[in-house]
Amino acid sequence: MKLFTSYNRILSVITLTGLLVIGFLFYQMLGQYINKQIDDHLYEELLEVQDFAHVKNILPSPDGYDDVIVDYKKIHKLADKRKIFADTNFYNPKKRHHETARYLKTELLLNGQPYEIMIIASKFERQEEIKSIILIILLPVIVLLLILWLVNRILIKRMWLPFRQLLANIKAFNINQEKVFEPIQTNIEEFKELNKAVLNVSLKVKSDYKEIKLFTENASHEMMTPLAVINSKLDTMLQSNTLGKEESEILDDLYKATSKLTKLNQSLLLLVKIDNNQLQDKEEIDLKALINEKLNYFLELIQKRNLIVKTELVASVIYANYYLTEILINNLFSNAIRHNHDGGSILITLTEDSLAFSNTGTQSALHPVKIFERFYKDNASEGTGLGLAILKQVCLRQNHKLTYRYQQDYHQFTIIFNKTKNKP
């Protein structure tokens, strides 16, 4: 959930709750005030009944008042002289419908006779007044709250605009490009500090990256010549007939180790080139023809291990860098052959938009994320641990999607080509 949405939700809940509580309390207080007015009116009517009975020596007519109804009930004696005020429902004979009302009930002597008197006053008009008052007060309050909410929304959007610009600049920042991080212009102090901190971090990261990149490139290039010389000397010594069996075995181990180190150095150089986006030339590539070509190239290794290769290839053309695509196919073949068992099988499936290599193997399911990390490999593997990492980097640079899954004893690597981004 976005910060602005969360803030608005909290503000809306608080405002709505406050409005309901205030409205309820206002309604209750207004109702009590109206009841107090009606009670005073009922008491005045009771005094008028007493005065009328005292002066005229007769009881006033129940219909003798316009806005109240007076009911008399003769009793034996006065038992309770309290004046009881309460709400009730009654049938109004003048209006011919039931209404809510307020009544006053008491006992008193009229012309020397004890009576129970109930004076009823309708609350209908007063309740309508309450509703009108509430509408008159609450409607402007609601409109005012809506206006404040809209103004608050607009102001917050404007206040957070520098943050959005800063976030967009952070996303656009590329450590491989010469262009430095683009700061923003803002008058808000907090965003100024954030902008300054991000700018300093970006400059530091870029500086450190350049130093590491330069060191890696120089170290890899400088290692190539000594390694080539060592390989050449070891090859010459291995071909010599003057060595004994023990010396030959030692030299053979050294030769293998040096060859592995050479491959590792070449893989690291390739990763540097891919990371630096130095291989950008693109062309149309016939994947079906390239896979068949590489199948013939690896045929000797496949036959040596008695592997069964099945292919399901359809015509597919992508627009990509040929060198990177060739590395992609080579690594898929190499991985499927190296990590297979003798007499195993390989299934290659090519559709118009995807390529899948499935192979049996000596291991069960691998970790779907860690296998693409650099130098991640099985302890028994003799590889450099960079093959799948190179595969992953090539897919990232070419905008392909690479996935791994283990199903029915087969390790499957699938590449989905994003042709919409690769069109010339």
Protein backbone atom coordinates (compact mmCIF):
# COMPACT_ATOMS: atom_id res chain seq x y z
CA MET A 1 0.00 0.00 0.00
CA LYS A 2 1.28 3.45 -0.89
CA LEU A 3 2.04 5.96 1.87
CA PHE A 4 -0.45 8.49 0.49
CA THR A 5 -3.23 5.86 0.35
CA SER A 6 -2.49 4.72 3.89
CA TYR A 7 -2.55 8.32 5.14
CA ASN A 8 -5.88 9.01 3.40
CA ARG A 9 -7.43 5.86 4.84
CA ILE A 10 -6.44 6.77 8.39
CA LEU A 11 -7.61 10.36 7.91
CA SER A 12 -10.95 9.21 6.41
CA VAL A 13 -11.60 6.75 9.26
CA ILE A 14 -10.81 9.35 11.93
CA THR A 15 -12.93 12.01 10.19
CA LEU A 16 -15.90 9.70 9.65
CA THR A 17 -15.77 8.39 13.22
CA GLY A 18 -15.51 11.89 14.62
CA LEU A 19 -18.39 13.08 12.45
CA LEU A 20 -20.62 10.20 13.60
CA VAL A 21 -19.77 10.72 17.28
CA ILE A 22 -20.29 14.49 17.08
CA GLY A 23 -23.54 14.02 15.15
CA PHE A 24 -24.85 11.53 17.71
CA LEU A 25 -23.91 13.71 20.69
CA PHE A 26 -25.41 16.78 19.01
CA TYR A 27 -28.65 14.90 18.29
CA GLN A 28 -28.89 13.68 21.90
CA MET A 29 -28.24 17.14 23.38
CA LEU A 30 -30.70 18.78 21.01
CA GLY A 31 -33.30 16.13 21.86
CA GLN A 32 -32.83 16.77 25.58
CA TYR A 33 -33.16 20.50 25.02
CA ILE A 34 -36.41 20.02 23.07
CA ASN A 35 -37.76 17.68 25.77
CA LYS A 36 -37.00 20.32 28.39
CA GLN A 37 -38.96 22.89 26.40
CA ILE A 38 -41.91 20.52 26.01
CA ASP A 39 -41.83 19.65 29.71
CA ASP A 40 -41.99 23.35 30.60
CA HIS A 41 -44.91 23.75 28.22
CA LEU A 42 -46.72 20.77 29.75
CA TYR A 43 -46.23 22.20 33.22
CA GLU A 44 -47.68 25.52 32.09
CA GLU A 45 -50.68 23.67 30.67
CA LEU A 46 -51.13 21.90 34.01
CA LEU A 47 -51.18 25.27 35.80
CA GLU A 48 -53.78 26.51 33.31
CA VAL A 49 -55.96 23.47 34.01
CA GLN A 50 -55.77 24.16 37.74
CA ASP A 51 -56.58 27.86 37.27
CA PHE A 52 -59.49 27.04 34.93
CA ALA A 53 -60.97 24.51 37.39
CA HIS A 54 -60.54 26.95 40.31
CA VAL A 55 -62.18 29.88 38.51
CA LYS A 56 -64.93 28.07 36.58
CA ASN A 57 -65.54 25.25 39.07
CA ILE A 58 -65.64 22.82 36.12
CA LEU A 59 -63.05 20.71 34.35
CA PRO A 60 -61.68 22.11 31.09
CA SER A 61 -62.61 20.24 27.94
CA PRO A 62 -59.96 17.73 26.71
CA ASP A 63 -60.18 19.43 23.31
CA GLY A 64 -59.90 22.87 24.71
CA TYR A 65 -56.27 23.25 23.78
CA ASP A 66 -54.84 23.42 20.28
CA ASP A 67 -51.47 21.73 20.76
CA VAL A 68 -52.08 19.34 23.70
CA ILE A 69 -54.55 16.68 24.77
CA VAL A 70 -55.75 16.56 28.38
CA ASP A 71 -57.02 13.32 29.84
CA TYR A 72 -58.85 13.13 33.24
CA LYS A 73 -59.30 10.04 35.32
CA LYS A 74 -61.15 10.17 38.65
CA ILE A 75 -59.44 8.29 41.46
CA HIS A 76 -60.36 7.46 45.06
CA LYS A 77 -57.61 9.42 46.71
CA LEU A 78 -54.33 11.10 45.98
CA ALA A 79 -51.61 8.47 46.18
CA ASP A 80 -48.73 10.01 44.21
CA LYS A 81 -48.40 13.75 43.72
CA ARG A 82 -45.19 13.49 41.73
CA LYS A 83 -45.05 15.00 38.29
CA ILE A 84 -43.89 12.34 35.86
CA PHE A 85 -42.53 13.35 32.45
CA ALA A 86 -41.93 10.66 29.79
CA ASP A 87 -42.14 9.80 26.10
CA THR A 88 -45.00 7.83 24.57
CA ASN A 89 -46.82 7.03 21.34
CA PHE A 90 -50.41 8.12 20.92
CA TYR A 91 -53.13 8.40 18.34
CA ASN A 92 -53.71 12.03 17.44
CA PRO A 93 -57.45 12.38 16.75
CA LYS A 94 -56.96 15.75 15.10
CA LYS A 95 -54.34 14.53 12.64
CA ARG A 96 -55.67 10.97 12.58
CA HIS A 97 -52.34 9.13 12.83
CA HIS A 98 -49.98 7.88 15.50
CA GLU A 99 -47.23 10.16 16.70
CA THR A 100 -44.47 10.24 19.24
CA ALA A 101 -45.31 12.51 22.15
CA ARG A 102 -44.26 13.78 25.53
CA TYR A 103 -46.63 13.53 28.49
CA LEU A 104 -46.99 14.86 32.00
CA LYS A 105 -48.83 12.66 34.50
CA THR A 106 -49.73 13.68 38.03
CA GLU A 107 -52.50 13.52 40.64
CA LEU A 108 -54.24 16.58 42.08
CA LEU A 109 -57.53 17.92 43.47
CA LEU A 110 -59.86 19.68 41.06
CA ASN A 111 -62.99 21.18 42.62
CA GLY A 112 -62.36 19.07 45.70
CA GLN A 113 -62.18 15.78 43.72
CA PRO A 114 -58.98 13.71 43.24
CA TYR A 115 -58.02 13.20 39.59
CA GLU A 116 -55.21 11.59 37.69
CA ILE A 117 -54.33 14.02 34.90
CA MET A 118 -52.30 13.23 31.82
CA ILE A 119 -51.37 16.06 29.47
CA ILE A 120 -49.92 14.91 26.13
CA ALA A 121 -48.04 17.11 23.66
CA SER A 122 -46.99 15.89 20.22
CA LYS A 123 -43.25 15.81 19.44
CA PHE A 124 -43.71 15.46 15.70
CA GLU A 125 -43.12 19.11 14.83
CA ARG A 126 -40.20 19.32 17.25
CA GLN A 127 -38.57 16.22 15.76
CA GLU A 128 -38.90 17.71 12.31
CA GLU A 129 -37.22 20.82 13.67
CA ILE A 130 -34.38 18.68 15.03
CA LYS A 131 -33.89 17.01 11.65
CA SER A 132 -33.87 20.36 9.90
CA ILE A 133 -31.37 21.80 12.38
CA ILE A 134 -29.09 18.76 12.02
CA LEU A 135 -29.22 18.97 8.22
CA ILE A 136 -28.55 22.70 8.29
CA ILE A 137 -25.50 22.18 10.52
CA LEU A 138 -24.13 18.84 9.32
CA LEU A 139 -24.43 19.37 5.56
CA PRO A 140 -22.09 22.40 5.54
CA VAL A 141 -19.72 20.50 7.84
CA ILE A 142 -19.67 17.53 5.44
CA VAL A 143 -19.13 19.82 2.46
CA LEU A 144 -16.33 21.58 4.34
CA LEU A 145 -14.68 18.24 5.16
CA LEU A 146 -14.87 17.17 1.51
CA ILE A 147 -13.28 20.43 0.43
CA LEU A 148 -10.53 20.02 3.05
CA TRP A 149 -9.96 16.43 1.92
CA LEU A 150 -9.61 17.49 -1.72
CA VAL A 151 -7.30 20.38 -0.83
CA ASN A 152 -5.27 18.07 1.41
CA ARG A 153 -4.99 15.52 -1.40
CA ILE A 154 -3.80 18.12 -3.90
CA LEU A 155 -1.33 19.65 -1.45
CA ILE A 156 0.14 16.29 -0.45
CA LYS A 157 0.56 15.32 -4.09
CA ARG A 158 2.43 18.53 -4.76
CA MET A 159 4.51 18.15 -1.61
CA TRP A 160 5.51 14.59 -2.56
CA LEU A 161 6.27 15.46 -6.19
CA PRO A 162 10.02 15.96 -5.47
CA PHE A 163 10.12 12.51 -3.87
CA ARG A 164 8.57 10.94 -6.98
CA GLN A 165 11.07 12.78 -9.18
CA LEU A 166 13.91 11.60 -6.94
CA LEU A 167 12.63 8.02 -7.08
CA ALA A 168 12.40 8.20 -10.89
CA ASN A 169 15.99 9.49 -11.08
CA ILE A 170 17.18 6.67 -8.81
CA LYS A 171 15.48 4.10 -11.06
CA ALA A 172 17.01 5.72 -14.16
CA PHE A 173 20.50 5.76 -12.65
CA ASN A 174 22.79 3.25 -14.35
CA ILE A 175 26.16 2.48 -12.87
CA ASN A 176 27.51 1.44 -16.28
CA GLN A 177 26.79 4.80 -17.90
CA GLU A 178 28.98 7.86 -17.70
CA LYS A 179 25.99 10.02 -16.85
CA VAL A 180 25.95 10.84 -13.14
CA PHE A 181 22.92 10.79 -10.88
CA GLU A 182 20.62 13.69 -11.70
CA PRO A 183 19.65 15.66 -8.55
CA ILE A 184 16.29 17.40 -8.13
CA GLN A 185 15.35 20.97 -7.31
CA THR A 186 13.15 21.35 -4.23
CA ASN A 187 12.46 23.81 -1.43
CA ILE A 188 11.53 21.13 1.12
CA GLU A 189 14.39 20.68 3.57
CA GLU A 190 13.88 16.94 4.16
CA PHE A 191 13.94 16.20 0.44
CA LYS A 192 17.03 18.38 0.05
CA GLU A 193 18.84 16.22 2.60
CA LEU A 194 17.63 13.01 0.95
CA ASN A 195 18.67 14.30 -2.46
CA LYS A 196 22.13 15.19 -1.18
CA ALA A 197 22.57 11.80 0.52
CA VAL A 198 21.52 9.87 -2.61
CA LEU A 199 23.83 12.00 -4.77
CA ASN A 200 26.81 11.32 -2.48
CA VAL A 201 26.07 7.59 -2.38
CA SER A 202 25.73 7.41 -6.19
CA LEU A 203 29.05 9.19 -6.70
CA LYS A 204 30.74 6.86 -4.20
CA VAL A 205 29.23 3.74 -5.77
CA LYS A 206 30.20 4.88 -9.26
CA SER A 207 33.75 5.62 -8.14
CA ASP A 208 34.13 2.26 -6.38
CA TYR A 209 32.61 0.44 -9.34
CA LYS A 210 35.07 2.04 -11.77
CA GLU A 211 38.00 1.08 -9.58
CA ILE A 212 36.81 -2.53 -9.22
CA LYS A 213 36.02 -2.74 -12.93
CA LEU A 214 39.46 -1.40 -13.89
CA PHE A 215 41.19 -3.75 -11.47
CA THR A 216 39.24 -6.78 -12.75
CA GLU A 217 39.92 -5.98 -16.39
CA ASN A 218 43.63 -5.33 -15.80
CA ALA A 219 44.07 -8.38 -13.61
CA SER A 220 42.28 -10.65 -16.10
CA HIS A 221 44.28 -9.32 -19.07
CA GLU A 222 47.56 -9.51 -17.20
CA MET A 223 46.86 -13.12 -16.22
CA MET A 224 46.24 -14.22 -19.81
CA THR A 225 49.87 -14.02 -20.93
CA PRO A 226 51.44 -15.89 -17.96
CA LEU A 227 48.74 -18.55 -18.17
CA ALA A 228 49.35 -19.01 -21.89
CA VAL A 229 53.08 -19.33 -21.27
CA ILE A 230 52.54 -21.84 -18.44
CA ASN A 231 50.17 -23.90 -20.59
CA SER A 232 52.65 -23.91 -23.45
CA LYS A 233 55.58 -24.96 -21.25
CA LEU A 234 53.55 -27.66 -19.55
CA ASP A 235 52.36 -28.97 -22.91
CA THR A 236 55.97 -29.13 -24.13
CA MET A 237 57.12 -30.93 -21.00
CA LEU A 238 54.26 -33.44 -21.20
CA GLN A 239 55.32 -34.33 -24.75
CA SER A 240 58.88 -34.97 -23.59
CA ASN A 241 60.02 -38.61 -23.33
CA THR A 242 62.49 -37.93 -20.54
CA LEU A 243 59.93 -37.70 -17.75
CA GLY A 244 59.17 -40.49 -15.38
CA LYS A 245 55.68 -41.70 -14.49
CA GLU A 246 55.45 -39.71 -11.27
CA GLU A 247 56.67 -36.50 -12.89
CA SER A 248 54.22 -36.99 -15.77
CA GLU A 249 51.29 -37.35 -13.35
CA ILE A 250 52.33 -34.23 -11.46
CA LEU A 251 52.66 -32.25 -14.70
CA ASP A 252 49.32 -33.58 -15.90
CA ASP A 253 47.62 -32.34 -12.70
CA LEU A 254 49.33 -28.95 -13.11
CA TYR A 255 48.20 -28.77 -16.73
CA LYS A 256 44.58 -29.50 -15.76
CA ALA A 257 44.69 -26.92 -12.98
CA THR A 258 46.18 -24.30 -15.29
CA SER A 259 43.61 -25.07 -17.99
CA LYS A 260 40.84 -24.67 -15.43
CA LEU A 261 42.35 -21.36 -14.31
CA THR A 262 42.50 -20.22 -17.95
CA LYS A 263 38.83 -21.08 -18.45
CA LEU A 264 37.96 -19.28 -15.22
CA ASN A 265 39.84 -16.18 -16.37
CA GLN A 266 38.13 -16.25 -19.77
CA SER A 267 34.71 -16.63 -18.09
CA LEU A 268 35.41 -13.69 -15.79
CA LEU A 269 36.48 -11.55 -18.75
CA LEU A 270 33.30 -12.52 -20.56
CA LEU A 271 31.18 -11.60 -17.53
CA VAL A 272 32.93 -8.22 -17.36
CA LYS A 273 32.11 -7.59 -21.02
CA ILE A 274 28.49 -8.61 -20.49
CA ASP A 275 28.17 -6.51 -17.31
CA ASN A 276 29.64 -3.49 -19.11
CA ASN A 277 27.22 -4.00 -21.99
CA GLN A 278 30.09 -4.02 -24.47
CA LEU A 279 28.41 -6.53 -26.80
CA GLN A 280 25.56 -4.49 -28.26
CA ASP A 281 25.61 -5.28 -31.99
CA LYS A 282 22.44 -7.10 -32.98
CA GLU A 283 21.31 -9.06 -36.02
CA GLU A 284 18.67 -11.58 -37.03
CA ILE A 285 19.61 -15.08 -35.87
CA ASP A 286 18.14 -18.36 -37.10
CA LEU A 287 17.99 -20.34 -33.87
CA LYS A 288 17.08 -23.63 -35.51
CA ALA A 289 20.16 -23.50 -37.77
CA LEU A 290 22.39 -22.42 -34.86
CA ILE A 291 21.20 -25.28 -32.63
CA ASN A 292 21.79 -27.85 -35.38
CA GLU A 293 25.27 -26.39 -35.93
CA LYS A 294 26.13 -26.63 -32.24
CA LEU A 295 24.66 -30.15 -32.07
CA ASN A 296 27.20 -31.27 -34.68
CA TYR A 297 29.94 -29.46 -32.75
CA PHE A 298 29.15 -31.35 -29.52
CA LEU A 299 28.39 -34.65 -31.30
CA GLU A 300 31.71 -36.26 -30.34
CA LEU A 301 31.15 -35.58 -26.62
CA ILE A 302 27.57 -36.80 -26.89
CA GLN A 303 28.62 -40.07 -28.52
CA LYS A 304 31.48 -40.53 -26.06
CA ARG A 305 29.00 -40.59 -23.17
CA ASN A 306 26.33 -42.55 -25.09
CA LEU A 307 23.76 -39.77 -24.63
CA ILE A 308 20.44 -39.87 -26.47
CA VAL A 309 19.52 -36.49 -27.94
CA LYS A 310 15.96 -35.75 -29.09
CA THR A 311 15.08 -32.49 -30.78
CA GLU A 312 11.75 -30.78 -31.45
CA LEU A 313 12.70 -27.69 -33.42
CA VAL A 314 10.53 -25.23 -35.30
CA ALA A 315 11.66 -22.20 -37.25
CA SER A 316 12.47 -19.29 -34.92
CA VAL A 317 14.28 -16.05 -35.64
CA ILE A 318 15.32 -13.53 -32.99
CA TYR A 319 17.04 -10.16 -33.19
CA ALA A 320 20.00 -10.28 -30.79
CA ASN A 321 23.77 -10.23 -30.46
CA TYR A 322 25.14 -13.28 -32.31
CA TYR A 323 28.15 -13.77 -30.04
CA LEU A 324 26.01 -13.73 -26.87
CA THR A 325 23.43 -16.05 -28.43
CA GLU A 326 26.20 -18.45 -29.43
CA ILE A 327 27.49 -18.42 -25.85
CA LEU A 328 23.93 -19.07 -24.68
CA ILE A 329 23.55 -22.20 -26.85
CA ASN A 330 27.08 -23.42 -26.03
CA ASN A 331 26.45 -23.16 -22.28
CA LEU A 332 23.13 -24.98 -22.54
CA PHE A 333 24.74 -27.84 -24.46
CA SER A 334 27.78 -27.95 -22.18
CA ASN A 335 25.61 -27.96 -19.03
CA ALA A 336 23.31 -30.71 -20.37
CA ILE A 337 26.29 -32.92 -21.32
CA ARG A 338 28.59 -32.28 -18.34
CA HIS A 339 25.93 -32.79 -15.65
CA ASN A 340 24.38 -35.86 -17.28
CA HIS A 341 25.15 -39.50 -16.60
CA ASP A 342 26.44 -41.97 -19.16
CA GLY A 343 23.59 -43.29 -21.28
CA GLY A 344 21.35 -40.39 -20.23
CA SER A 345 19.13 -38.33 -22.49
CA ILE A 346 18.78 -34.73 -23.62
CA LEU A 347 15.60 -33.16 -25.03
CA ILE A 348 15.85 -29.87 -26.93
CA THR A 349 12.58 -28.08 -27.65
CA LEU A 350 12.47 -24.92 -29.75
CA THR A 351 9.26 -23.00 -30.37
CA GLU A 352 8.77 -19.65 -32.00
CA ASP A 353 9.14 -17.83 -28.67
CA SER A 354 11.07 -20.19 -26.37
CA LEU A 355 13.92 -22.66 -26.07
CA ALA A 356 14.10 -25.50 -23.52
CA PHE A 357 16.95 -27.88 -22.69
CA SER A 358 15.94 -30.91 -20.57
CA ASN A 359 18.44 -33.49 -19.41
CA THR A 360 18.73 -36.35 -16.96
CA GLY A 361 21.37 -35.94 -14.30
CA THR A 362 23.27 -37.35 -11.38
CA GLN A 363 21.49 -35.08 -8.89
CA SER A 364 17.92 -34.38 -7.84
CA ALA A 365 16.32 -30.94 -7.93
CA LEU A 366 18.70 -27.98 -7.58
CA HIS A 367 18.02 -24.65 -5.91
CA PRO A 368 16.14 -22.58 -8.56
CA VAL A 369 17.89 -19.31 -7.56
CA LYS A 370 21.32 -20.25 -6.21
CA ILE A 371 22.28 -22.25 -9.32
CA PHE A 372 22.56 -18.96 -11.23
CA GLU A 373 24.91 -17.42 -8.68
CA ARG A 374 28.60 -17.11 -9.51
CA PHE A 375 30.83 -19.99 -8.35
CA TYR A 376 27.83 -22.01 -7.15
CA LYS A 377 28.43 -25.65 -8.09
CA ASP A 378 28.36 -29.18 -6.78
CA ASN A 379 31.44 -30.37 -4.89
CA ALA A 380 31.94 -33.15 -7.43
CA SER A 381 31.79 -30.76 -10.40
CA GLU A 382 35.01 -29.93 -12.23
CA GLY A 383 33.60 -26.80 -13.83
CA THR A 384 34.31 -23.18 -12.93
CA GLY A 385 30.87 -22.55 -11.47
CA LEU A 386 30.32 -19.64 -13.89
CA GLY A 387 28.48 -21.35 -16.77
CA LEU A 388 24.94 -20.77 -15.47
CA ALA A 389 25.90 -17.33 -14.12
CA ILE A 390 27.01 -16.38 -17.66
CA LEU A 391 23.77 -17.86 -18.98
CA LYS A 392 21.77 -15.70 -16.59
CA GLN A 393 23.68 -12.53 -17.46
CA VAL A 394 23.28 -13.12 -21.20
CA CYS A 395 19.51 -13.52 -20.73
CA LEU A 396 19.33 -10.33 -18.68
CA ARG A 397 21.25 -8.32 -21.29
CA GLN A 398 19.20 -9.75 -24.14
CA ASN A 399 15.88 -9.26 -22.29
CA HIS A 400 15.21 -13.01 -22.21
CA LYS A 401 13.51 -14.79 -19.31
CA LEU A 402 15.42 -17.77 -17.89
CA THR A 403 13.75 -20.35 -15.63
CA TYR A 404 14.71 -23.69 -14.11
CA ARG A 405 12.58 -26.57 -12.91
CA TYR A 406 13.00 -30.24 -12.06
CA GLN A 407 10.26 -32.53 -13.34
CA GLN A 408 10.10 -36.31 -13.83
CA ASP A 409 13.87 -36.78 -13.28
CA TYR A 410 14.70 -34.08 -15.83
CA HIS A 411 16.50 -30.79 -15.22
CA GLN A 412 14.89 -28.24 -17.51
CA PHE A 413 16.22 -24.79 -18.42
CA THR A 414 13.76 -22.68 -20.38
CA ILE A 415 14.46 -19.39 -22.14
CA ILE A 416 11.54 -17.25 -23.23
CA PHE A 417 12.54 -14.72 -25.88
CA ASN A 418 11.12 -11.22 -25.49
CA LYS A 419 10.83 -10.46 -29.18
CA THR A 420 8.93 -7.22 -28.65
CA LYS A 421 12.10 -5.64 -27.23
CA ASN A 422 14.44 -7.26 -29.74
CA LYS A 423 12.89 -6.08 -33.00
CA PRO A 424 15.15 -3.95 -35.23
